[in-house]
Amino acid sequence: MKMNCAVITVGDELLSGRITDVNSPYITRELEAMGLDTAFHISVGDDPENIQAVLRFALEQCRAVIITGGLGPTQDDLTREAVAEGLGLKLIFREKIADLIRQRFQWMNREMAESNLKQAYIVEGAGTIDPVMGTAPGLILKLPAGKLVAMLPGVPAEMREMLGRGVLPALHDMGDRGPVRLRKSFKILGSTESEVAERVEKSLSGMGGLKLAYLASLSGIEVRVTAVAEDEIEAQARLAAAERRIRDELKMMVAASDSQGIEDVVGELLRQRGMTLALAESCTGGLVGEMVTRVPGSSDYFVGSVVSYSNRAKQELLGVSEEILATAGAVSSEAADAMARGARRAFGSDLAISITGIAGPGGGTPDKPVGTVFIGLAAEGVGAVRKLMLPLGREAVRSISATLALALIRVYLLGGDFAHFGE
């Protein structure tokens, strides 16, 4: 039978949308890198009969099934029980696992509720993956006909550690893997999805063993390149060659790659250059500052921000003149320039960015409709303002403006051309 896999995530909170499923995509990527196909993802609630029905279906279709969630100590954690009953197996209490759980609570200096010992019950015949973070062990059950069921905690950090330490090696030993697949993604700013696709495909013309996918979002265009080869070395070589061609073609428009955000890239550039950054935000209401401070260690380069929503704040905190506000207006090239210079002066920073605009839904005029945004940049001997026209909803205007403000910083730090960003 072809070595393919199914991923089942368990939990009512996944079905209701209170929690986003981040486990399935991660598992799929890890399986792809081994040359294993994922046939499907299924989310199921905390209901034993539904869990059993989904498990039966998955085992009919696939050789390996990876289940996450439902291994905790509470009444709604039912994965062990459902799998055991569905496969006609018993639950066996393991004193070794119970001791590990007790030791974990002693180490945390916390009293252990007896309900935690529920996690010491193991599906008959299953091997265990001892927990190193939480208290729930992972389980690997090998079935007749060369099939496998793995049960892992739903907490992403615990799941990832156990997947790498226990499940992936077990799948490797089962053999029958397909070609290796390695993936890299690129965040593209300053163009449309159709233009990006056309240029990427042109740059990769003549190269085999590559698959392309595109995803447009408020934070840019993501280009995902998957290299397919018989071994990892060949796949890595194809992926590296594809990356060189894409960067040569799109140049400054490639803002980030893989899990990096534009805020990570900007932060690293500022740190490398020993430069500091200040912000002055109006329509984004502090969103750029929030993005900048997502990055650990951002205090190395980020000195502060002014959210100058009112004209009075622009005047008193940033020194925007009454004349500019009266003639050009708060949403103008002149105001954006004055705000950036005022932020740089107020914080004594090397570089400052400002944003002022009309996010809507009200406030637009024929001359300045909703979606009109000005981004200003001020540095030693440098002043630049870019105008954006974003005929979108309020949150889209705010999100895109914040992302492009950081992109403008990146372009400046790399000595690039601002022409890709607005007018």
Protein backbone atom coordinates (compact mmCIF):
# COMPACT_ATOMS: atom_id res chain seq x y z
CA MET A 1 0.00 0.00 0.00
CA LYS A 2 1.24 3.50 -0.81
CA MET A 3 2.65 5.24 2.24
CA ASN A 4 0.17 8.05 2.82
CA CYS A 5 -1.04 9.71 5.99
CA ALA A 6 -4.09 11.32 7.55
CA VAL A 7 -4.11 14.00 10.24
CA ILE A 8 -6.97 14.18 12.74
CA THR A 9 -7.26 17.08 15.17
CA VAL A 10 -9.59 16.63 18.13
CA GLY A 11 -11.41 19.33 20.07
CA ASP A 12 -14.71 21.22 20.18
CA GLU A 13 -12.70 24.45 20.27
CA LEU A 14 -11.33 23.72 16.79
CA LEU A 15 -14.80 23.24 15.32
CA SER A 16 -16.12 26.44 16.91
CA GLY A 17 -13.17 28.50 15.68
CA ARG A 18 -12.07 29.53 19.18
CA ILE A 19 -8.69 27.97 18.38
CA THR A 20 -7.03 27.87 14.98
CA ASP A 21 -5.60 24.53 13.87
CA VAL A 22 -1.87 25.09 13.53
CA ASN A 23 -0.95 21.43 14.05
CA SER A 24 -2.22 20.00 10.75
CA PRO A 25 -0.21 22.34 8.47
CA TYR A 26 2.93 21.77 10.54
CA ILE A 27 2.58 17.99 10.44
CA THR A 28 1.94 18.07 6.69
CA ARG A 29 5.11 20.09 6.07
CA GLU A 30 7.16 17.66 8.13
CA LEU A 31 5.69 14.68 6.30
CA GLU A 32 6.30 16.30 2.91
CA ALA A 33 9.96 16.77 3.76
CA MET A 34 10.16 12.99 4.29
CA GLY A 35 8.46 12.25 0.98
CA LEU A 36 5.14 11.28 2.59
CA ASP A 37 1.76 12.39 1.27
CA THR A 38 -0.99 13.71 3.50
CA ALA A 39 -4.32 12.56 2.11
CA PHE A 40 -6.48 14.83 4.26
CA HIS A 41 -6.91 16.76 7.50
CA ILE A 42 -10.04 16.24 9.59
CA SER A 43 -11.12 18.14 12.70
CA VAL A 44 -13.55 16.35 14.99
CA GLY A 45 -15.20 17.37 18.25
CA ASP A 46 -14.86 15.76 21.66
CA ASP A 47 -17.30 12.96 20.89
CA PRO A 48 -16.12 9.31 21.12
CA GLU A 49 -18.40 8.01 18.38
CA ASN A 50 -17.32 10.72 15.95
CA ILE A 51 -13.66 10.18 16.78
CA GLN A 52 -14.07 6.46 16.10
CA ALA A 53 -15.90 7.05 12.82
CA VAL A 54 -13.21 9.40 11.58
CA LEU A 55 -10.46 7.00 12.68
CA ARG A 56 -12.09 4.08 10.82
CA PHE A 57 -12.37 6.16 7.66
CA ALA A 58 -8.76 7.32 7.93
CA LEU A 59 -7.44 3.79 8.40
CA GLU A 60 -9.37 2.61 5.36
CA GLN A 61 -7.64 5.25 3.24
CA CYS A 62 -4.16 5.57 4.74
CA ARG A 63 -1.31 3.61 6.24
CA ALA A 64 -0.60 6.11 9.00
CA VAL A 65 -2.94 8.27 11.07
CA ILE A 66 -1.67 11.06 13.34
CA ILE A 67 -4.15 12.32 15.94
CA THR A 68 -3.55 15.45 18.03
CA GLY A 69 -5.54 16.61 21.03
CA GLY A 70 -7.77 14.97 23.61
CA LEU A 71 -4.97 13.46 25.73
CA GLY A 72 -5.36 15.75 28.72
CA PRO A 73 -6.68 14.99 32.23
CA THR A 74 -10.19 16.43 31.97
CA GLN A 75 -13.52 14.77 31.23
CA ASP A 76 -13.64 16.08 27.67
CA ASP A 77 -10.23 14.55 26.81
CA LEU A 78 -11.45 11.35 25.19
CA THR A 79 -8.98 10.41 22.43
CA ARG A 80 -7.35 7.49 24.28
CA GLU A 81 -10.69 6.02 25.27
CA ALA A 82 -12.23 6.46 21.82
CA VAL A 83 -9.26 4.93 19.98
CA ALA A 84 -9.05 1.97 22.35
CA GLU A 85 -12.77 1.21 22.11
CA GLY A 86 -12.84 1.74 18.35
CA LEU A 87 -10.01 -0.74 17.83
CA GLY A 88 -11.28 -3.25 20.39
CA LEU A 89 -8.34 -2.70 22.75
CA LYS A 90 -8.04 -2.10 26.50
CA LEU A 91 -6.59 0.83 28.41
CA ILE A 92 -3.64 -0.25 30.57
CA PHE A 93 -2.39 1.76 33.58
CA ARG A 94 1.38 2.34 33.44
CA GLU A 95 2.99 3.13 36.79
CA LYS A 96 6.09 4.47 35.02
CA ILE A 97 4.02 7.15 33.31
CA ALA A 98 2.24 7.94 36.59
CA ASP A 99 5.61 8.48 38.27
CA LEU A 100 6.69 10.82 35.48
CA ILE A 101 3.52 12.86 35.94
CA ARG A 102 4.03 13.06 39.71
CA GLN A 103 7.65 14.16 39.21
CA ARG A 104 6.56 16.85 36.78
CA PHE A 105 4.20 18.36 39.36
CA GLN A 106 6.89 18.17 42.07
CA TRP A 107 9.30 19.98 39.76
CA MET A 108 6.67 22.73 39.19
CA ASN A 109 6.10 22.85 42.97
CA ARG A 110 2.39 22.30 42.43
CA GLU A 111 -0.05 19.89 44.01
CA MET A 112 -1.25 17.23 41.57
CA ALA A 113 -4.94 16.49 41.20
CA GLU A 114 -5.71 12.76 41.01
CA SER A 115 -7.40 13.35 37.66
CA ASN A 116 -3.97 13.82 36.11
CA LEU A 117 -3.32 10.10 36.52
CA LYS A 118 -5.86 9.56 33.75
CA GLN A 119 -2.93 10.33 31.44
CA ALA A 120 -1.09 7.24 32.70
CA TYR A 121 -3.60 4.95 30.95
CA ILE A 122 -2.12 3.67 27.69
CA VAL A 123 -3.89 2.00 24.77
CA GLU A 124 -3.06 -1.69 24.87
CA GLY A 125 -0.02 -2.50 22.75
CA ALA A 126 1.02 1.13 22.21
CA GLY A 127 4.53 2.41 22.62
CA THR A 128 4.92 5.66 24.54
CA ILE A 129 6.73 8.92 23.92
CA ASP A 130 7.57 10.29 27.35
CA PRO A 131 6.58 13.94 27.87
CA VAL A 132 9.34 16.52 28.31
CA MET A 133 7.07 19.61 28.41
CA GLY A 134 3.56 18.76 29.56
CA THR A 135 2.25 15.68 31.33
CA ALA A 136 0.56 13.74 28.52
CA PRO A 137 2.64 10.99 26.89
CA GLY A 138 2.43 10.45 23.17
CA LEU A 139 1.32 7.02 21.93
CA ILE A 140 2.35 5.03 18.86
CA LEU A 141 0.22 2.01 18.01
CA LYS A 142 1.32 -0.39 15.29
CA LEU A 143 -1.57 -2.29 13.75
CA PRO A 144 -1.85 -5.33 11.47
CA ALA A 145 -1.31 -4.82 7.71
CA GLY A 146 1.54 -2.41 8.41
CA LYS A 147 -0.59 0.46 9.65
CA LEU A 148 0.16 2.96 12.39
CA VAL A 149 -1.83 5.27 14.66
CA ALA A 150 0.00 7.99 16.56
CA MET A 151 -1.66 10.06 19.30
CA LEU A 152 -0.03 13.35 20.34
CA PRO A 153 -0.97 16.23 22.66
CA GLY A 154 -2.80 19.14 21.05
CA VAL A 155 -0.53 21.81 22.55
CA PRO A 156 1.59 22.81 19.51
CA ALA A 157 4.96 22.91 21.27
CA GLU A 158 4.40 19.50 22.88
CA MET A 159 3.09 18.04 19.62
CA ARG A 160 6.07 19.25 17.58
CA GLU A 161 8.64 17.92 20.02
CA MET A 162 7.02 14.46 20.15
CA LEU A 163 6.42 14.35 16.41
CA GLY A 164 10.11 14.88 15.73
CA ARG A 165 11.39 12.63 18.49
CA GLY A 166 9.00 9.72 18.15
CA VAL A 167 6.55 9.72 15.27
CA LEU A 168 8.70 10.75 12.31
CA PRO A 169 11.37 8.12 13.09
CA ALA A 170 8.63 5.47 13.32
CA LEU A 171 7.23 6.52 9.95
CA HIS A 172 10.73 6.51 8.48
CA ASP A 173 11.20 2.91 9.55
CA MET A 174 8.00 1.90 7.73
CA GLY A 175 9.63 2.70 4.38
CA ASP A 176 7.78 3.15 1.07
CA ARG A 177 8.32 6.88 0.99
CA GLY A 178 7.95 8.92 -2.16
CA PRO A 179 10.19 11.70 -3.47
CA VAL A 180 11.52 14.27 -1.00
CA ARG A 181 9.66 17.60 -1.00
CA LEU A 182 11.27 20.75 0.37
CA ARG A 183 9.41 24.05 0.46
CA LYS A 184 10.36 27.69 0.75
CA SER A 185 8.05 30.69 0.73
CA PHE A 186 8.70 34.31 -0.23
CA LYS A 187 6.73 37.38 0.87
CA ILE A 188 6.41 39.79 -2.07
CA LEU A 189 5.40 43.44 -1.65
CA GLY A 190 4.75 46.13 -4.23
CA SER A 191 2.96 44.19 -6.97
CA THR A 192 -0.17 42.23 -7.86
CA GLU A 193 -0.63 38.47 -7.68
CA SER A 194 -0.88 38.13 -11.47
CA GLU A 195 2.26 40.15 -12.13
CA VAL A 196 4.21 38.27 -9.49
CA ALA A 197 3.11 34.91 -10.90
CA GLU A 198 4.07 35.92 -14.43
CA ARG A 199 7.53 37.10 -13.41
CA VAL A 200 8.23 34.13 -11.12
CA GLU A 201 7.22 31.60 -13.76
CA LYS A 202 9.32 33.39 -16.36
CA SER A 203 12.35 33.35 -14.04
CA LEU A 204 11.97 29.61 -13.38
CA SER A 205 11.39 28.67 -17.02
CA GLY A 206 13.22 25.47 -17.95
CA MET A 207 13.66 24.26 -14.37
CA GLY A 208 12.11 20.89 -13.54
CA GLY A 209 11.01 19.39 -10.24
CA LEU A 210 9.31 22.53 -8.93
CA LYS A 211 5.73 23.25 -7.88
CA LEU A 212 4.44 26.79 -7.37
CA ALA A 213 1.57 28.20 -5.35
CA TYR A 214 0.46 31.78 -4.68
CA LEU A 215 -1.47 33.27 -1.79
CA ALA A 216 -2.63 36.89 -1.78
CA SER A 217 -3.33 38.50 1.59
CA LEU A 218 -3.40 41.91 3.23
CA SER A 219 0.30 41.54 4.05
CA GLY A 220 1.43 40.86 0.48
CA ILE A 221 1.76 38.02 -2.01
CA GLU A 222 3.20 34.75 -0.74
CA VAL A 223 4.98 32.63 -3.32
CA ARG A 224 5.49 29.02 -2.21
CA VAL A 225 8.05 26.96 -4.10
CA THR A 226 8.21 23.20 -3.54
CA ALA A 227 11.20 21.27 -4.85
CA VAL A 228 10.58 17.58 -5.55
CA ALA A 229 13.52 15.18 -5.90
CA GLU A 230 14.59 11.63 -5.11
CA ASP A 231 16.88 12.73 -2.28
CA GLU A 232 17.22 15.71 0.04
CA ILE A 233 20.51 16.97 -1.45
CA GLU A 234 18.99 17.25 -4.91
CA ALA A 235 15.84 18.91 -3.54
CA GLN A 236 17.94 21.45 -1.62
CA ALA A 237 19.94 22.25 -4.76
CA ARG A 238 16.78 22.81 -6.81
CA LEU A 239 15.28 25.02 -4.11
CA ALA A 240 18.46 27.09 -3.82
CA ALA A 241 18.61 27.58 -7.58
CA ALA A 242 14.94 28.63 -7.64
CA GLU A 243 15.52 31.12 -4.84
CA ARG A 244 18.43 32.74 -6.69
CA ARG A 245 16.35 33.17 -9.83
CA ILE A 246 13.34 34.59 -7.96
CA ARG A 247 15.46 37.09 -6.04
CA ASP A 248 17.29 38.11 -9.22
CA GLU A 249 13.95 38.72 -10.94
CA LEU A 250 11.98 40.45 -8.17
CA LYS A 251 14.90 42.04 -6.33
CA MET A 252 13.73 44.49 -3.66
CA MET A 253 10.15 43.22 -3.87
CA VAL A 254 11.15 40.04 -1.99
CA ALA A 255 10.57 41.36 1.50
CA ALA A 256 10.87 38.21 3.63
CA SER A 257 11.02 34.43 3.41
CA ASP A 258 9.56 31.44 5.22
CA SER A 259 8.35 32.25 8.73
CA GLN A 260 9.94 35.71 8.74
CA GLY A 261 7.71 38.73 8.87
CA ILE A 262 8.65 42.11 7.46
CA GLU A 263 9.10 43.24 11.08
CA ASP A 264 11.79 40.58 11.59
CA VAL A 265 13.67 41.67 8.47
CA VAL A 266 13.52 45.37 9.39
CA GLY A 267 14.61 44.65 12.95
CA GLU A 268 17.64 42.67 11.81
CA LEU A 269 18.65 45.41 9.36
CA LEU A 270 18.38 48.11 12.03
CA ARG A 271 20.38 46.00 14.46
CA GLN A 272 23.09 45.31 11.88
CA ARG A 273 23.44 49.01 11.12
CA GLY A 274 23.24 50.12 14.72
CA MET A 275 20.32 52.43 13.95
CA THR A 276 17.30 53.44 16.01
CA LEU A 277 13.68 53.83 14.90
CA ALA A 278 10.80 56.04 16.02
CA LEU A 279 7.21 56.09 14.79
CA ALA A 280 4.38 58.58 14.41
CA GLU A 281 1.03 56.95 13.64
CA SER A 282 -2.40 58.36 13.01
CA CYS A 283 -4.83 56.14 11.07
CA THR A 284 -3.00 52.93 12.06
CA GLY A 285 -3.43 53.73 15.75
CA GLY A 286 -0.21 52.06 16.92
CA LEU A 287 -0.37 49.02 14.65
CA VAL A 288 3.16 49.56 13.28
CA GLY A 289 4.51 49.81 16.81
CA GLU A 290 2.75 46.58 17.71
CA MET A 291 4.33 44.84 14.72
CA VAL A 292 7.81 46.16 15.55
CA THR A 293 7.60 45.02 19.16
CA ARG A 294 6.51 41.50 18.25
CA VAL A 295 10.20 40.85 17.60
CA PRO A 296 12.18 39.74 20.68
CA GLY A 297 14.95 42.23 21.43
CA SER A 298 13.28 45.09 19.53
CA SER A 299 14.32 47.41 22.37
CA ASP A 300 17.78 47.32 20.76
CA TYR A 301 16.55 49.64 18.03
CA PHE A 302 12.98 50.80 18.71
CA VAL A 303 12.91 53.91 20.90
CA GLY A 304 9.25 54.91 20.90
CA SER A 305 6.08 55.92 19.13
CA VAL A 306 3.52 58.71 19.12
CA VAL A 307 -0.06 57.83 18.21
CA SER A 308 -1.14 61.32 17.13
CA TYR A 309 -4.76 60.71 16.23
CA SER A 310 -5.96 64.27 16.70
CA ASN A 311 -4.69 67.46 15.07
CA ARG A 312 -3.84 68.80 18.52
CA ALA A 313 -1.60 65.77 19.18
CA LYS A 314 0.10 66.28 15.82
CA GLN A 315 0.80 69.89 16.70
CA GLU A 316 1.82 69.57 20.36
CA LEU A 317 3.69 66.27 20.26
CA LEU A 318 5.19 66.28 16.77
CA GLY A 319 5.39 69.95 15.88
CA VAL A 320 3.16 69.80 12.80
CA SER A 321 2.40 73.44 12.06
CA GLU A 322 -1.07 74.93 12.22
CA GLU A 323 -0.50 76.21 8.69
CA ILE A 324 0.05 72.69 7.30
CA LEU A 325 -3.05 71.40 9.02
CA ALA A 326 -5.13 74.35 7.83
CA THR A 327 -3.97 74.36 4.22
CA ALA A 328 -2.76 70.89 3.22
CA GLY A 329 -4.69 69.02 5.92
CA ALA A 330 -3.85 66.29 8.40
CA VAL A 331 -3.93 63.71 5.60
CA SER A 332 -1.33 65.10 3.25
CA SER A 333 2.22 64.73 2.08
CA GLU A 334 3.20 67.81 4.09
CA ALA A 335 1.68 66.45 7.30
CA ALA A 336 3.31 63.02 6.86
CA ASP A 337 6.70 64.68 6.32
CA ALA A 338 6.31 66.92 9.37
CA MET A 339 5.15 63.99 11.51
CA ALA A 340 8.16 61.86 10.57
CA ARG A 341 10.59 64.71 11.23
CA GLY A 342 8.82 65.49 14.50
CA ALA A 343 9.06 61.88 15.70
CA ARG A 344 12.74 61.73 14.82
CA ARG A 345 13.35 64.96 16.70
CA ALA A 346 11.25 63.97 19.73
CA PHE A 347 12.97 60.62 20.23
CA GLY A 348 16.43 61.47 18.90
CA SER A 349 16.28 58.49 16.56
CA ASP A 350 18.29 57.80 13.41
CA LEU A 351 15.15 57.02 11.44
CA ALA A 352 11.45 57.75 11.75
CA ILE A 353 8.33 56.67 9.90
CA SER A 354 4.93 58.35 9.93
CA ILE A 355 1.50 57.29 8.71
CA THR A 356 -1.54 59.49 8.23
CA GLY A 357 -4.64 58.60 6.24
CA ILE A 358 -8.37 58.03 5.97
CA ALA A 359 -9.20 54.46 6.97
CA GLY A 360 -12.96 54.97 6.74
CA PRO A 361 -15.71 54.15 6.46
CA GLY A 362 -16.37 57.89 6.80
CA GLY A 363 -14.17 60.96 6.42
CA GLY A 364 -13.44 60.76 2.72
CA THR A 365 -13.76 63.62 0.24
CA PRO A 366 -13.66 63.76 -3.58
CA ASP A 367 -10.02 64.91 -3.39
CA LYS A 368 -9.10 62.48 -0.62
CA PRO A 369 -11.35 59.43 -0.71
CA VAL A 370 -11.35 56.70 1.91
CA GLY A 371 -8.14 54.72 1.55
CA THR A 372 -5.89 57.73 0.94
CA VAL A 373 -2.73 57.21 3.02
CA PHE A 374 0.59 59.03 3.24
CA ILE A 375 3.71 57.36 4.65
CA GLY A 376 6.64 59.61 5.57
CA LEU A 377 10.26 58.68 6.20
CA ALA A 378 12.84 60.92 7.85
CA ALA A 379 16.54 60.24 8.33
CA GLU A 380 19.74 62.26 8.29
CA GLY A 381 19.59 64.25 5.06
CA VAL A 382 16.64 62.23 3.81
CA GLY A 383 12.94 62.97 3.63
CA ALA A 384 10.53 60.92 1.57
CA VAL A 385 6.75 60.61 1.41
CA ARG A 386 4.77 58.00 -0.47
CA LYS A 387 1.05 58.21 -1.23
CA LEU A 388 -1.13 55.10 -1.28
CA MET A 389 -4.63 54.73 -2.65
CA LEU A 390 -6.28 51.75 -0.97
CA PRO A 391 -10.00 51.56 -1.85
CA LEU A 392 -10.64 48.87 0.74
CA GLY A 393 -12.29 48.34 4.13
CA ARG A 394 -11.02 49.97 7.30
CA GLU A 395 -8.97 47.08 8.65
CA ALA A 396 -7.47 46.36 5.23
CA VAL A 397 -6.35 49.99 4.90
CA ARG A 398 -4.77 49.90 8.34
CA SER A 399 -3.07 46.52 7.87
CA ILE A 400 -1.68 47.23 4.40
CA SER A 401 -0.48 50.69 5.44
CA ALA A 402 1.39 49.29 8.43
CA THR A 403 3.04 46.56 6.36
CA LEU A 404 4.09 48.96 3.62
CA ALA A 405 5.48 51.41 6.18
CA LEU A 406 7.85 48.69 7.36
CA ALA A 407 8.59 47.77 3.75
CA LEU A 408 9.58 51.40 3.11
CA ILE A 409 12.04 51.22 6.00
CA ARG A 410 13.53 48.06 4.53
CA VAL A 411 13.92 49.65 1.10
CA TYR A 412 15.65 52.67 2.64
CA LEU A 413 18.03 50.54 4.71
CA LEU A 414 18.98 48.50 1.65
CA GLY A 415 19.50 51.58 -0.50
CA GLY A 416 16.66 50.70 -2.82
CA ASP A 417 14.19 52.66 -4.90
CA PHE A 418 11.02 53.88 -3.18
CA ALA A 419 9.12 53.82 -6.47
CA HIS A 420 7.54 50.44 -5.77
CA PHE A 421 5.51 51.93 -2.94
CA GLY A 422 2.77 54.35 -3.88
CA GLU A 423 3.14 57.63 -5.72
